[in-house]
Structures are given as C-alpha cells and as structure tokens.
Amino acid sequence: MSTLKADTIVAADGSSPVTLTKQSAAKMFHVFNGTGTVSTSSSFNVSSLTDEGTGDYTTTFSNAFSSINFSNSANNNWYGYGELQSKTTTTVRNRVRGSGTYTGLVDASIIDLVNHGDLA
C-alpha cells in the first residue's frame, strides 16, 4: 500500500493547481454574508457573487459544470429555507425565504451552498 501526501497538486507543467474533476468531492462550495454589502467568507470554484435583491443571490463558478444536471444544496442561518431559483453550467441562483412568512424573501447573514457533479 502507498501513501501520497501533498499540500498542493499542480499541473504537469507546474503552472497551476489541479481541480478535482471525477472524484466524489464537492466541485463548488460557497459561504457568504447576504446582508448589507454581500461578501464571500469562504469558497471553492467561485469567481463572483451577485446580490440580485433582497434574499436573492447568484454565484458564478470559476470552472463550469459539464451540464445543468448537478446537485445544488443551500442552507442559511436561522431565517428559514433556501430554494434554487435557476442554474446554468456556469451559475447558480438561490433565494432565501423567511421562516415567519415563507413567501417573503429575506437577507441572511450566513448562506452556505454546495454543488456536486461533473465539471466540464
């Protein structure tokens, strides 16, 4: 049995880190603050975050998925629940609904997204 230990795996030419493409690991995750001026706390495979309005956010991926058939999970702090509004191979748009109204969108201070699927 062999063990491989590494801090960073880079391309054969040594130019850049390698992104996992076929393993079962999440291919994107995004943790951000959706209140005031939205800001990313932590992320992987995310190039930008757009505030579309109250409780409405779009995350753009650094590396596209091979199709729209990837899974998307969203969670937020104590407000209620998240819903998938739309997704393309390069973006995912999520909305946050309040626990008191369920019909009204609310800004949340902690929003977590994770996506699994094959990258392009």
PDB file of N, CA and C in Angstrom:
ATOM      1  N   MET A   1       0.842  -1.169   0.000  1.00  0.00           N
ATOM      2  CA  MET A   1       0.000   0.000   0.000  1.00  0.00           C
ATOM      3  C   MET A   1       0.891   1.236   0.000  1.00  0.00           C
ATOM      4  N   SER A   2       0.496   2.264  -0.765  1.00  0.00           N
ATOM      5  CA  SER A   2       1.264   3.502  -0.859  1.00  0.00           C
ATOM      6  C   SER A   2       0.481   4.648  -0.259  1.00  0.00           C
ATOM      7  N   THR A   3       1.197   5.639   0.196  1.00  0.00           N
ATOM      8  CA  THR A   3       0.579   6.841   0.735  1.00  0.00           C
ATOM      9  C   THR A   3       1.131   8.036  -0.008  1.00  0.00           C
ATOM     10  N   LEU A   4       0.261   8.903  -0.454  1.00  0.00           N
ATOM     11  CA  LEU A   4       0.652  10.138  -1.121  1.00  0.00           C
ATOM     12  C   LEU A   4       0.274  11.294  -0.214  1.00  0.00           C
ATOM     13  N   LYS A   5       1.242  12.114   0.139  1.00  0.00           N
ATOM     14  CA  LYS A   5       0.998  13.284   0.964  1.00  0.00           C
ATOM     15  C   LYS A   5       1.429  14.515   0.176  1.00  0.00           C
ATOM     16  N   ALA A   6       0.533  15.500   0.081  1.00  0.00           N
ATOM     17  CA  ALA A   6       0.861  16.714  -0.670  1.00  0.00           C
ATOM     18  C   ALA A   6       0.024  17.866  -0.151  1.00  0.00           C
ATOM     19  N   ASP A   7       0.581  19.059  -0.175  1.00  0.00           N
ATOM     20  CA  ASP A   7      -0.179  20.259   0.170  1.00  0.00           C
ATOM     21  C   ASP A   7      -0.909  20.787  -1.058  1.00  0.00           C
ATOM     22  N   THR A   8      -0.279  20.696  -2.225  1.00  0.00           N
ATOM     23  CA  THR A   8      -0.865  21.168  -3.476  1.00  0.00           C
ATOM     24  C   THR A   8      -0.469  20.223  -4.594  1.00  0.00           C
ATOM     25  N   ILE A   9      -1.439  19.833  -5.415  1.00  0.00           N
ATOM     26  CA  ILE A   9      -1.161  19.054  -6.610  1.00  0.00           C
ATOM     27  C   ILE A   9      -1.259  20.021  -7.780  1.00  0.00           C
ATOM     28  N   VAL A  10      -0.212  20.089  -8.603  1.00  0.00           N
ATOM     29  CA  VAL A  10      -0.184  21.047  -9.712  1.00  0.00           C
ATOM     30  C   VAL A  10      -0.184  20.323 -11.045  1.00  0.00           C
ATOM     31  N   ALA A  11      -0.487  21.075 -12.098  1.00  0.00           N
ATOM     32  CA  ALA A  11      -0.464  20.544 -13.453  1.00  0.00           C
ATOM     33  C   ALA A  11       0.936  20.037 -13.789  1.00  0.00           C
ATOM     34  N   ALA A  12       1.025  19.158 -14.782  1.00  0.00           N
ATOM     35  CA  ALA A  12       2.299  18.553 -15.154  1.00  0.00           C
ATOM     36  C   ALA A  12       3.372  19.589 -15.473  1.00  0.00           C
ATOM     37  N   ASP A  13       2.966  20.730 -16.028  1.00  0.00           N
ATOM     38  CA  ASP A  13       3.945  21.772 -16.344  1.00  0.00           C
ATOM     39  C   ASP A  13       4.267  22.659 -15.142  1.00  0.00           C
ATOM     40  N   GLY A  14       3.646  22.362 -13.982  1.00  0.00           N
ATOM     41  CA  GLY A  14       3.914  23.112 -12.758  1.00  0.00           C
ATOM     42  C   GLY A  14       3.270  24.482 -12.697  1.00  0.00           C
ATOM     43  N   SER A  15       2.352  24.764 -13.625  1.00  0.00           N
ATOM     44  CA  SER A  15       1.822  26.118 -13.747  1.00  0.00           C
ATOM     45  C   SER A  15       0.657  26.442 -12.819  1.00  0.00           C
ATOM     46  N   SER A  16      -0.143  25.459 -12.453  1.00  0.00           N
ATOM     47  CA  SER A  16      -1.330  25.796 -11.672  1.00  0.00           C
ATOM     48  C   SER A  16      -1.826  24.591 -10.881  1.00  0.00           C
ATOM     49  N   PRO A  17      -2.573  24.854  -9.795  1.00  0.00           N
ATOM     50  CA  PRO A  17      -3.170  23.741  -9.037  1.00  0.00           C
ATOM     51  C   PRO A  17      -4.176  22.977  -9.897  1.00  0.00           C
ATOM     52  N   VAL A  18      -4.315  21.708  -9.622  1.00  0.00           N
ATOM     53  CA  VAL A  18      -5.246  20.850 -10.348  1.00  0.00           C
ATOM     54  C   VAL A  18      -6.579  20.829  -9.617  1.00  0.00           C
ATOM     55  N   THR A  19      -7.679  20.959 -10.349  1.00  0.00           N
ATOM     56  CA  THR A  19      -9.022  20.889  -9.781  1.00  0.00           C
ATOM     57  C   THR A  19      -9.540  19.465  -9.920  1.00  0.00           C
ATOM     58  N   LEU A  20     -10.143  18.929  -8.854  1.00  0.00           N
ATOM     59  CA  LEU A  20     -10.731  17.595  -8.921  1.00  0.00           C
ATOM     60  C   LEU A  20     -11.851  17.588  -9.949  1.00  0.00           C
ATOM     61  N   THR A  21     -11.873  16.575 -10.817  1.00  0.00           N
ATOM     62  CA  THR A  21     -12.904  16.541 -11.851  1.00  0.00           C
ATOM     63  C   THR A  21     -13.776  15.299 -11.817  1.00  0.00           C
ATOM     64  N   LYS A  22     -13.278  14.168 -11.370  1.00  0.00           N
ATOM     65  CA  LYS A  22     -14.060  12.938 -11.434  1.00  0.00           C
ATOM     66  C   LYS A  22     -14.336  12.327 -10.075  1.00  0.00           C
ATOM     67  N   GLN A  23     -13.753  12.835  -9.018  1.00  0.00           N
ATOM     68  CA  GLN A  23     -13.966  12.278  -7.698  1.00  0.00           C
ATOM     69  C   GLN A  23     -15.324  12.713  -7.143  1.00  0.00           C
ATOM     70  N   SER A  24     -15.710  12.159  -6.018  1.00  0.00           N
ATOM     71  CA  SER A  24     -16.998  12.465  -5.408  1.00  0.00           C
ATOM     72  C   SER A  24     -16.980  13.722  -4.554  1.00  0.00           C
ATOM     73  N   ALA A  25     -15.871  14.409  -4.501  1.00  0.00           N
ATOM     74  CA  ALA A  25     -15.766  15.629  -3.700  1.00  0.00           C
ATOM     75  C   ALA A  25     -16.663  16.724  -4.284  1.00  0.00           C
ATOM     76  N   ALA A  26     -17.069  17.659  -3.426  1.00  0.00           N
ATOM     77  CA  ALA A  26     -17.856  18.801  -3.904  1.00  0.00           C
ATOM     78  C   ALA A  26     -17.031  19.553  -4.944  1.00  0.00           C
ATOM     79  N   LYS A  27     -17.675  19.960  -6.029  1.00  0.00           N
ATOM     80  CA  LYS A  27     -16.982  20.687  -7.080  1.00  0.00           C
ATOM     81  C   LYS A  27     -17.144  22.196  -6.914  1.00  0.00           C
ATOM     82  N   MET A  28     -17.993  22.618  -5.968  1.00  0.00           N
ATOM     83  CA  MET A  28     -18.146  24.028  -5.639  1.00  0.00           C
ATOM     84  C   MET A  28     -18.735  24.129  -4.250  1.00  0.00           C
ATOM     85  N   PHE A  29     -18.204  25.052  -3.445  1.00  0.00           N
ATOM     86  CA  PHE A  29     -18.892  25.430  -2.215  1.00  0.00           C
ATOM     87  C   PHE A  29     -18.726  26.925  -2.036  1.00  0.00           C
ATOM     88  N   HIS A  30     -19.694  27.530  -1.377  1.00  0.00           N
ATOM     89  CA  HIS A  30     -19.693  28.986  -1.199  1.00  0.00           C
ATOM     90  C   HIS A  30     -20.381  29.317   0.120  1.00  0.00           C
ATOM     91  N   VAL A  31     -19.685  30.020   0.978  1.00  0.00           N
ATOM     92  CA  VAL A  31     -20.243  30.520   2.227  1.00  0.00           C
ATOM     93  C   VAL A  31     -20.143  32.035   2.153  1.00  0.00           C
ATOM     94  N   PHE A  32     -21.287  32.720   2.304  1.00  0.00           N
ATOM     95  CA  PHE A  32     -21.247  34.173   2.191  1.00  0.00           C
ATOM     96  C   PHE A  32     -22.245  34.857   3.102  1.00  0.00           C
ATOM     97  N   ASN A  33     -22.004  36.150   3.326  1.00  0.00           N
ATOM     98  CA  ASN A  33     -22.881  37.013   4.105  1.00  0.00           C
ATOM     99  C   ASN A  33     -23.805  37.712   3.121  1.00  0.00           C
ATOM    100  N   GLY A  34     -25.107  37.505   3.262  1.00  0.00           N
ATOM    101  CA  GLY A  34     -26.075  38.081   2.341  1.00  0.00           C
ATOM    102  C   GLY A  34     -26.720  39.364   2.830  1.00  0.00           C
ATOM    103  N   THR A  35     -26.172  39.973   3.884  1.00  0.00           N
ATOM    104  CA  THR A  35     -26.744  41.222   4.398  1.00  0.00           C
ATOM    105  C   THR A  35     -25.840  42.389   4.037  1.00  0.00           C
ATOM    106  N   GLY A  36     -26.436  43.576   3.896  1.00  0.00           N
ATOM    107  CA  GLY A  36     -25.647  44.765   3.566  1.00  0.00           C
ATOM    108  C   GLY A  36     -24.916  44.566   2.252  1.00  0.00           C
ATOM    109  N   THR A  37     -23.624  44.871   2.235  1.00  0.00           N
ATOM    110  CA  THR A  37     -22.801  44.588   1.064  1.00  0.00           C
ATOM    111  C   THR A  37     -22.400  43.126   1.136  1.00  0.00           C
ATOM    112  N   VAL A  38     -22.940  42.298   0.222  1.00  0.00           N
ATOM    113  CA  VAL A  38     -22.683  40.859   0.286  1.00  0.00           C
ATOM    114  C   VAL A  38     -21.193  40.584   0.146  1.00  0.00           C
ATOM    115  N   SER A  39     -20.720  39.558   0.857  1.00  0.00           N
ATOM    116  CA  SER A  39     -19.303  39.230   0.799  1.00  0.00           C
ATOM    117  C   SER A  39     -19.083  37.749   1.052  1.00  0.00           C
ATOM    118  N   THR A  40     -18.105  37.194   0.369  1.00  0.00           N
ATOM    119  CA  THR A  40     -17.750  35.790   0.494  1.00  0.00           C
ATOM    120  C   THR A  40     -16.891  35.576   1.731  1.00  0.00           C
ATOM    121  N   SER A  41     -17.245  34.571   2.537  1.00  0.00           N
ATOM    122  CA  SER A  41     -16.445  34.188   3.698  1.00  0.00           C
ATOM    123  C   SER A  41     -15.448  33.104   3.328  1.00  0.00           C
ATOM    124  N   SER A  42     -15.899  32.131   2.541  1.00  0.00           N
ATOM    125  CA  SER A  42     -15.059  31.020   2.114  1.00  0.00           C
ATOM    126  C   SER A  42     -15.664  30.431   0.844  1.00  0.00           C
ATOM    127  N   SER A  43     -14.800  29.946  -0.062  1.00  0.00           N
ATOM    128  CA  SER A  43     -15.344  29.393  -1.303  1.00  0.00           C
ATOM    129  C   SER A  43     -14.336  28.497  -2.006  1.00  0.00           C
ATOM    130  N   PHE A  44     -14.851  27.695  -2.922  1.00  0.00           N
ATOM    131  CA  PHE A  44     -14.058  26.881  -3.827  1.00  0.00           C
ATOM    132  C   PHE A  44     -14.782  26.867  -5.160  1.00  0.00           C
ATOM    133  N   ASN A  45     -14.074  27.141  -6.242  1.00  0.00           N
ATOM    134  CA  ASN A  45     -14.627  27.182  -7.599  1.00  0.00           C
ATOM    135  C   ASN A  45     -15.688  28.271  -7.742  1.00  0.00           C
ATOM    136  N   VAL A  46     -15.472  29.411  -7.113  1.00  0.00           N
ATOM    137  CA  VAL A  46     -16.387  30.555  -7.205  1.00  0.00           C
ATOM    138  C   VAL A  46     -15.608  31.760  -7.719  1.00  0.00           C
ATOM    139  N   SER A  47     -16.139  32.409  -8.773  1.00  0.00           N
ATOM    140  CA  SER A  47     -15.466  33.595  -9.295  1.00  0.00           C
ATOM    141  C   SER A  47     -16.151  34.882  -8.866  1.00  0.00           C
ATOM    142  N   SER A  48     -17.476  34.821  -8.601  1.00  0.00           N
ATOM    143  CA  SER A  48     -18.149  36.048  -8.173  1.00  0.00           C
ATOM    144  C   SER A  48     -19.479  35.753  -7.495  1.00  0.00           C
ATOM    145  N   LEU A  49     -19.957  36.758  -6.776  1.00  0.00           N
ATOM    146  CA  LEU A  49     -21.240  36.730  -6.072  1.00  0.00           C
ATOM    147  C   LEU A  49     -21.994  37.992  -6.453  1.00  0.00           C
ATOM    148  N   THR A  50     -23.261  37.843  -6.836  1.00  0.00           N
ATOM    149  CA  THR A  50     -24.087  38.989  -7.213  1.00  0.00           C
ATOM    150  C   THR A  50     -25.320  39.041  -6.324  1.00  0.00           C
ATOM    151  N   ASP A  51     -25.587  40.202  -5.761  1.00  0.00           N
ATOM    152  CA  ASP A  51     -26.797  40.438  -4.971  1.00  0.00           C
ATOM    153  C   ASP A  51     -27.874  40.884  -5.943  1.00  0.00           C
ATOM    154  N   GLU A  52     -28.881  40.031  -6.160  1.00  0.00           N
ATOM    155  CA  GLU A  52     -29.953  40.310  -7.120  1.00  0.00           C
ATOM    156  C   GLU A  52     -31.117  41.063  -6.486  1.00  0.00           C
ATOM    157  N   GLY A  53     -31.054  41.291  -5.177  1.00  0.00           N
ATOM    158  CA  GLY A  53     -32.133  41.939  -4.440  1.00  0.00           C
ATOM    159  C   GLY A  53     -32.293  41.219  -3.111  1.00  0.00           C
ATOM    160  N   THR A  54     -33.284  41.605  -2.346  1.00  0.00           N
ATOM    161  CA  THR A  54     -33.497  41.006  -1.026  1.00  0.00           C
ATOM    162  C   THR A  54     -33.641  39.495  -1.121  1.00  0.00           C
ATOM    163  N   GLY A  55     -32.751  38.777  -0.433  1.00  0.00           N
ATOM    164  CA  GLY A  55     -32.824  37.319  -0.370  1.00  0.00           C
ATOM    165  C   GLY A  55     -32.576  36.593  -1.671  1.00  0.00           C
ATOM    166  N   ASP A  56     -31.934  37.224  -2.642  1.00  0.00           N
ATOM    167  CA  ASP A  56     -31.780  36.683  -3.990  1.00  0.00           C
ATOM    168  C   ASP A  56     -30.324  36.861  -4.425  1.00  0.00           C
ATOM    169  N   TYR A  57     -29.605  35.744  -4.649  1.00  0.00           N
ATOM    170  CA  TYR A  57     -28.168  35.795  -4.884  1.00  0.00           C
ATOM    171  C   TYR A  57     -27.761  34.873  -6.032  1.00  0.00           C
ATOM    172  N   THR A  58     -26.802  35.314  -6.837  1.00  0.00           N
ATOM    173  CA  THR A  58     -26.244  34.480  -7.898  1.00  0.00           C
ATOM    174  C   THR A  58     -24.759  34.257  -7.641  1.00  0.00           C
ATOM    175  N   THR A  59     -24.347  32.998  -7.665  1.00  0.00           N
ATOM    176  CA  THR A  59     -22.944  32.615  -7.566  1.00  0.00           C
ATOM    177  C   THR A  59     -22.490  32.176  -8.948  1.00  0.00           C
ATOM    178  N   THR A  60     -21.367  32.722  -9.404  1.00  0.00           N
ATOM    179  CA  THR A  60     -20.782  32.340 -10.689  1.00  0.00           C
ATOM    180  C   THR A  60     -19.570  31.463 -10.425  1.00  0.00           C
ATOM    181  N   PHE A  61     -19.480  30.352 -11.167  1.00  0.00           N
ATOM    182  CA  PHE A  61     -18.405  29.392 -10.971  1.00  0.00           C
ATOM    183  C   PHE A  61     -17.140  29.811 -11.713  1.00  0.00           C
ATOM    184  N   SER A  62     -15.997  29.445 -11.180  1.00  0.00           N
ATOM    185  CA  SER A  62     -14.723  29.639 -11.875  1.00  0.00           C
ATOM    186  C   SER A  62     -14.588  28.619 -13.007  1.00  0.00           C
ATOM    187  N   ASN A  63     -15.014  27.383 -12.737  1.00  0.00           N
ATOM    188  CA  ASN A  63     -14.975  26.302 -13.722  1.00  0.00           C
ATOM    189  C   ASN A  63     -16.393  25.778 -13.912  1.00  0.00           C
ATOM    190  N   ALA A  64     -16.834  25.712 -15.149  1.00  0.00           N
ATOM    191  CA  ALA A  64     -18.209  25.315 -15.461  1.00  0.00           C
ATOM    192  C   ALA A  64     -18.451  23.835 -15.200  1.00  0.00           C
ATOM    193  N   PHE A  65     -19.706  23.496 -14.921  1.00  0.00           N
ATOM    194  CA  PHE A  65     -20.133  22.111 -14.851  1.00  0.00           C
ATOM    195  C   PHE A  65     -20.381  21.613 -16.273  1.00  0.00           C
ATOM    196  N   SER A  66     -20.331  20.291 -16.465  1.00  0.00           N
ATOM    197  CA  SER A  66     -20.487  19.728 -17.812  1.00  0.00           C
ATOM    198  C   SER A  66     -21.924  19.824 -18.316  1.00  0.00           C
ATOM    199  N   SER A  67     -22.889  19.913 -17.404  1.00  0.00           N
ATOM    200  CA  SER A  67     -24.294  20.072 -17.774  1.00  0.00           C
ATOM    201  C   SER A  67     -25.025  20.680 -16.578  1.00  0.00           C
ATOM    202  N   ILE A  68     -26.316  20.986 -16.746  1.00  0.00           N
ATOM    203  CA  ILE A  68     -27.089  21.523 -15.617  1.00  0.00           C
ATOM    204  C   ILE A  68     -27.557  20.420 -14.680  1.00  0.00           C
ATOM    205  N   ASN A  69     -27.167  19.182 -14.951  1.00  0.00           N
ATOM    206  CA  ASN A  69     -27.556  18.041 -14.117  1.00  0.00           C
ATOM    207  C   ASN A  69     -26.586  17.831 -12.966  1.00  0.00           C
ATOM    208  N   PHE A  70     -26.331  18.908 -12.188  1.00  0.00           N
ATOM    209  CA  PHE A  70     -25.533  18.797 -10.977  1.00  0.00           C
ATOM    210  C   PHE A  70     -26.445  19.101  -9.805  1.00  0.00           C
ATOM    211  N   SER A  71     -26.079  18.590  -8.631  1.00  0.00           N
ATOM    212  CA  SER A  71     -26.927  18.821  -7.462  1.00  0.00           C
ATOM    213  C   SER A  71     -26.525  20.120  -6.773  1.00  0.00           C
ATOM    214  N   ASN A  72     -27.505  20.788  -6.220  1.00  0.00           N
ATOM    215  CA  ASN A  72     -27.303  22.057  -5.524  1.00  0.00           C
ATOM    216  C   ASN A  72     -27.997  21.977  -4.178  1.00  0.00           C
ATOM    217  N   SER A  73     -27.265  22.275  -3.123  1.00  0.00           N
ATOM    218  CA  SER A  73     -27.853  22.331  -1.786  1.00  0.00           C
ATOM    219  C   SER A  73     -27.563  23.696  -1.195  1.00  0.00           C
ATOM    220  N   ALA A  74     -28.577  24.285  -0.565  1.00  0.00           N
ATOM    221  CA  ALA A  74     -28.422  25.602   0.049  1.00  0.00           C
ATOM    222  C   ALA A  74     -28.938  25.562   1.474  1.00  0.00           C
ATOM    223  N   ASN A  75     -28.285  26.300   2.327  1.00  0.00           N
ATOM    224  CA  ASN A  75     -28.689  26.405   3.722  1.00  0.00           C
ATOM    225  C   ASN A  75     -28.411  27.827   4.171  1.00  0.00           C
ATOM    226  N   ASN A  76     -29.099  28.273   5.181  1.00  0.00           N
ATOM    227  CA  ASN A  76     -28.821  29.599   5.726  1.00  0.00           C
ATOM    228  C   ASN A  76     -28.983  29.533   7.232  1.00  0.00           C
ATOM    229  N   ASN A  77     -28.606  30.620   7.899  1.00  0.00           N
ATOM    230  CA  ASN A  77     -28.641  30.598   9.362  1.00  0.00           C
ATOM    231  C   ASN A  77     -30.057  30.314   9.861  1.00  0.00           C
ATOM    232  N   TRP A  78     -30.673  31.088  10.604  1.00  0.00           N
ATOM    233  CA  TRP A  78     -31.920  30.739  11.268  1.00  0.00           C
ATOM    234  C   TRP A  78     -33.170  31.251  10.560  1.00  0.00           C
ATOM    235  N   TYR A  79     -33.062  31.849   9.418  1.00  0.00           N
ATOM    236  CA  TYR A  79     -34.218  32.518   8.810  1.00  0.00           C
ATOM    237  C   TYR A  79     -35.281  31.582   8.265  1.00  0.00           C
ATOM    238  N   GLY A  80     -34.919  30.466   7.723  1.00  0.00           N
ATOM    239  CA  GLY A  80     -35.927  29.612   7.117  1.00  0.00           C
ATOM    240  C   GLY A  80     -35.287  28.632   6.173  1.00  0.00           C
ATOM    241  N   TYR A  81     -35.562  28.790   4.895  1.00  0.00           N
ATOM    242  CA  TYR A  81     -35.025  27.812   3.957  1.00  0.00           C
ATOM    243  C   TYR A  81     -34.585  28.484   2.673  1.00  0.00           C
ATOM    244  N   GLY A  82     -33.724  27.772   1.943  1.00  0.00           N
ATOM    245  CA  GLY A  82     -33.250  28.255   0.653  1.00  0.00           C
ATOM    246  C   GLY A  82     -33.952  27.498  -0.454  1.00  0.00           C
ATOM    247  N   GLU A  83     -34.005  28.115  -1.600  1.00  0.00           N
ATOM    248  CA  GLU A  83     -34.583  27.454  -2.761  1.00  0.00           C
ATOM    249  C   GLU A  83     -33.739  27.759  -3.975  1.00  0.00           C
ATOM    250  N   LEU A  84     -33.666  26.818  -4.882  1.00  0.00           N
ATOM    251  CA  LEU A  84     -32.952  27.013  -6.128  1.00  0.00           C
ATOM    252  C   LEU A  84     -33.855  27.791  -7.073  1.00  0.00           C
ATOM    253  N   GLN A  85     -33.398  28.938  -7.524  1.00  0.00           N
ATOM    254  CA  GLN A  85     -34.173  29.739  -8.460  1.00  0.00           C
ATOM    255  C   GLN A  85     -33.864  29.323  -9.895  1.00  0.00           C
ATOM    256  N   SER A  86     -32.583  29.186 -10.204  1.00  0.00           N
ATOM    257  CA  SER A  86     -32.185  28.755 -11.542  1.00  0.00           C
ATOM    258  C   SER A  86     -30.735  28.302 -11.504  1.00  0.00           C
ATOM    259  N   LYS A  87     -30.338  27.530 -12.517  1.00  0.00           N
ATOM    260  CA  LYS A  87     -28.940  27.162 -12.634  1.00  0.00           C
ATOM    261  C   LYS A  87     -28.595  26.970 -14.100  1.00  0.00           C
ATOM    262  N   THR A  88     -27.362  27.300 -14.418  1.00  0.00           N
ATOM    263  CA  THR A  88     -26.778  27.024 -15.723  1.00  0.00           C
ATOM    264  C   THR A  88     -25.487  26.271 -15.448  1.00  0.00           C
ATOM    265  N   THR A  89     -24.730  25.959 -16.474  1.00  0.00           N
ATOM    266  CA  THR A  89     -23.460  25.267 -16.240  1.00  0.00           C
ATOM    267  C   THR A  89     -22.439  26.188 -15.587  1.00  0.00           C
ATOM    268  N   THR A  90     -22.683  27.508 -15.604  1.00  0.00           N
ATOM    269  CA  THR A  90     -21.702  28.458 -15.050  1.00  0.00           C
ATOM    270  C   THR A  90     -22.213  29.264 -13.863  1.00  0.00           C
ATOM    271  N   THR A  91     -23.499  29.153 -13.535  1.00  0.00           N
ATOM    272  CA  THR A  91     -24.053  29.922 -12.414  1.00  0.00           C
ATOM    273  C   THR A  91     -25.096  29.121 -11.659  1.00  0.00           C
ATOM    274  N   VAL A  92     -25.353  29.543 -10.425  1.00  0.00           N
ATOM    275  CA  VAL A  92     -26.482  29.028  -9.657  1.00  0.00           C
ATOM    276  C   VAL A  92     -27.096  30.220  -8.931  1.00  0.00           C
ATOM    277  N   ARG A  93     -28.418  30.313  -8.973  1.00  0.00           N
ATOM    278  CA  ARG A  93     -29.128  31.413  -8.315  1.00  0.00           C
ATOM    279  C   ARG A  93     -30.001  30.833  -7.225  1.00  0.00           C
ATOM    280  N   ASN A  94     -29.806  31.326  -6.004  1.00  0.00           N
ATOM    281  CA  ASN A  94     -30.537  30.823  -4.842  1.00  0.00           C
ATOM    282  C   ASN A  94     -31.300  31.955  -4.178  1.00  0.00           C
ATOM    283  N   ARG A  95     -32.427  31.609  -3.578  1.00  0.00           N
ATOM    284  CA  ARG A  95     -33.228  32.564  -2.827  1.00  0.00           C
ATOM    285  C   ARG A  95     -33.398  32.070  -1.396  1.00  0.00           C
ATOM    286  N   VAL A  96     -33.539  33.010  -0.468  1.00  0.00           N
ATOM    287  CA  VAL A  96     -33.713  32.695   0.948  1.00  0.00           C
ATOM    288  C   VAL A  96     -35.077  33.208   1.382  1.00  0.00           C
ATOM    289  N   ARG A  97     -35.884  32.315   1.919  1.00  0.00           N
ATOM    290  CA  ARG A  97     -37.219  32.694   2.396  1.00  0.00           C
ATOM    291  C   ARG A  97     -37.228  32.695   3.918  1.00  0.00           C
ATOM    292  N   GLY A  98     -37.969  33.622   4.497  1.00  0.00           N
ATOM    293  CA  GLY A  98     -38.030  33.748   5.949  1.00  0.00           C
ATOM    294  C   GLY A  98     -38.883  32.683   6.589  1.00  0.00           C
ATOM    295  N   SER A  99     -38.527  32.293   7.793  1.00  0.00           N
ATOM    296  CA  SER A  99     -39.263  31.250   8.493  1.00  0.00           C
ATOM    297  C   SER A  99     -40.629  31.721   8.966  1.00  0.00           C
ATOM    298  N   GLY A 100     -40.800  33.025   9.117  1.00  0.00           N
ATOM    299  CA  GLY A 100     -42.077  33.540   9.588  1.00  0.00           C
ATOM    300  C   GLY A 100     -43.113  33.669   8.491  1.00  0.00           C
ATOM    301  N   THR A 101     -42.677  33.960   7.268  1.00  0.00           N
ATOM    302  CA  THR A 101     -43.628  34.217   6.193  1.00  0.00           C
ATOM    303  C   THR A 101     -43.590  33.181   5.082  1.00  0.00           C
ATOM    304  N   TYR A 102     -42.493  32.560   4.839  1.00  0.00           N
ATOM    305  CA  TYR A 102     -42.263  31.588   3.773  1.00  0.00           C
ATOM    306  C   TYR A 102     -42.519  32.141   2.381  1.00  0.00           C
ATOM    307  N   THR A 103     -43.249  33.221   2.269  1.00  0.00           N
ATOM    308  CA  THR A 103     -43.477  33.796   0.952  1.00  0.00           C
ATOM    309  C   THR A 103     -42.577  34.993   0.706  1.00  0.00           C
ATOM    310  N   GLY A 104     -42.048  35.575   1.775  1.00  0.00           N
ATOM    311  CA  GLY A 104     -41.195  36.747   1.631  1.00  0.00           C
ATOM    312  C   GLY A 104     -39.720  36.379   1.597  1.00  0.00           C
ATOM    313  N   LEU A 105     -38.980  37.029   0.711  1.00  0.00           N
ATOM    314  CA  LEU A 105     -37.540  36.825   0.654  1.00  0.00           C
ATOM    315  C   LEU A 105     -36.871  37.679   1.719  1.00  0.00           C
ATOM    316  N   VAL A 106     -35.817  37.144   2.347  1.00  0.00           N
ATOM    317  CA  VAL A 106     -35.092  37.869   3.385  1.00  0.00           C
ATOM    318  C   VAL A 106     -33.591  37.722   3.157  1.00  0.00           C
ATOM    319  N   ASP A 107     -32.843  38.730   3.550  1.00  0.00           N
ATOM    320  CA  ASP A 107     -31.385  38.632   3.557  1.00  0.00           C
ATOM    321  C   ASP A 107     -30.968  37.805   4.768  1.00  0.00           C
ATOM    322  N   ALA A 108     -29.970  36.975   4.599  1.00  0.00           N
ATOM    323  CA  ALA A 108     -29.462  36.153   5.693  1.00  0.00           C
ATOM    324  C   ALA A 108     -27.972  36.435   5.862  1.00  0.00           C
ATOM    325  N   SER A 109     -27.513  36.393   7.100  1.00  0.00           N
ATOM    326  CA  SER A 109     -26.114  36.718   7.356  1.00  0.00           C
ATOM    327  C   SER A 109     -25.161  35.562   7.055  1.00  0.00           C
ATOM    328  N   ILE A 110     -25.671  34.339   7.019  1.00  0.00           N
ATOM    329  CA  ILE A 110     -24.839  33.187   6.662  1.00  0.00           C
ATOM    330  C   ILE A 110     -25.601  32.336   5.653  1.00  0.00           C
ATOM    331  N   ILE A 111     -25.040  32.162   4.476  1.00  0.00           N
ATOM    332  CA  ILE A 111     -25.630  31.319   3.446  1.00  0.00           C
ATOM    333  C   ILE A 111     -24.553  30.343   2.985  1.00  0.00           C
ATOM    334  N   ASP A 112     -24.899  29.059   2.948  1.00  0.00           N
ATOM    335  CA  ASP A 112     -23.968  28.005   2.543  1.00  0.00           C
ATOM    336  C   ASP A 112     -24.515  27.325   1.300  1.00  0.00           C
ATOM    337  N   LEU A 113     -23.686  27.182   0.277  1.00  0.00           N
ATOM    338  CA  LEU A 113     -24.054  26.457  -0.939  1.00  0.00           C
ATOM    339  C   LEU A 113     -23.020  25.369  -1.188  1.00  0.00           C
ATOM    340  N   VAL A 114     -23.462  24.242  -1.709  1.00  0.00           N
ATOM    341  CA  VAL A 114     -22.536  23.192  -2.131  1.00  0.00           C
ATOM    342  C   VAL A 114     -23.127  22.535  -3.378  1.00  0.00           C
ATOM    343  N   ASN A 115     -22.264  22.226  -4.338  1.00  0.00           N
ATOM    344  CA  ASN A 115     -22.689  21.590  -5.581  1.00  0.00           C
ATOM    345  C   ASN A 115     -21.816  20.377  -5.874  1.00  0.00           C
ATOM    346  N   HIS A 116     -22.469  19.307  -6.318  1.00  0.00           N
ATOM    347  CA  HIS A 116     -21.780  18.086  -6.724  1.00  0.00           C
ATOM    348  C   HIS A 116     -22.168  17.778  -8.167  1.00  0.00           C
ATOM    349  N   GLY A 117     -21.234  17.329  -8.950  1.00  0.00           N
ATOM    350  CA  GLY A 117     -21.473  16.965 -10.343  1.00  0.00           C
ATOM    351  C   GLY A 117     -20.153  16.952 -11.079  1.00  0.00           C
ATOM    352  N   ASP A 118     -20.211  16.714 -12.389  1.00  0.00           N
ATOM    353  CA  ASP A 118     -19.004  16.665 -13.197  1.00  0.00           C
ATOM    354  C   ASP A 118     -18.699  18.033 -13.784  1.00  0.00           C
ATOM    355  N   LEU A 119     -17.449  18.441 -13.676  1.00  0.00           N
ATOM    356  CA  LEU A 119     -17.020  19.682 -14.299  1.00  0.00           C
ATOM    357  C   LEU A 119     -16.798  19.464 -15.791  1.00  0.00           C
ATOM    358  N   ALA A 120     -16.881  20.541 -16.548  1.00  0.00           N
ATOM    359  CA  ALA A 120     -16.691  20.461 -17.994  1.00  0.00           C
ATOM    360  C   ALA A 120     -15.262  20.064 -18.331  1.00  0.00           C
TER     361      ALA A 120
END
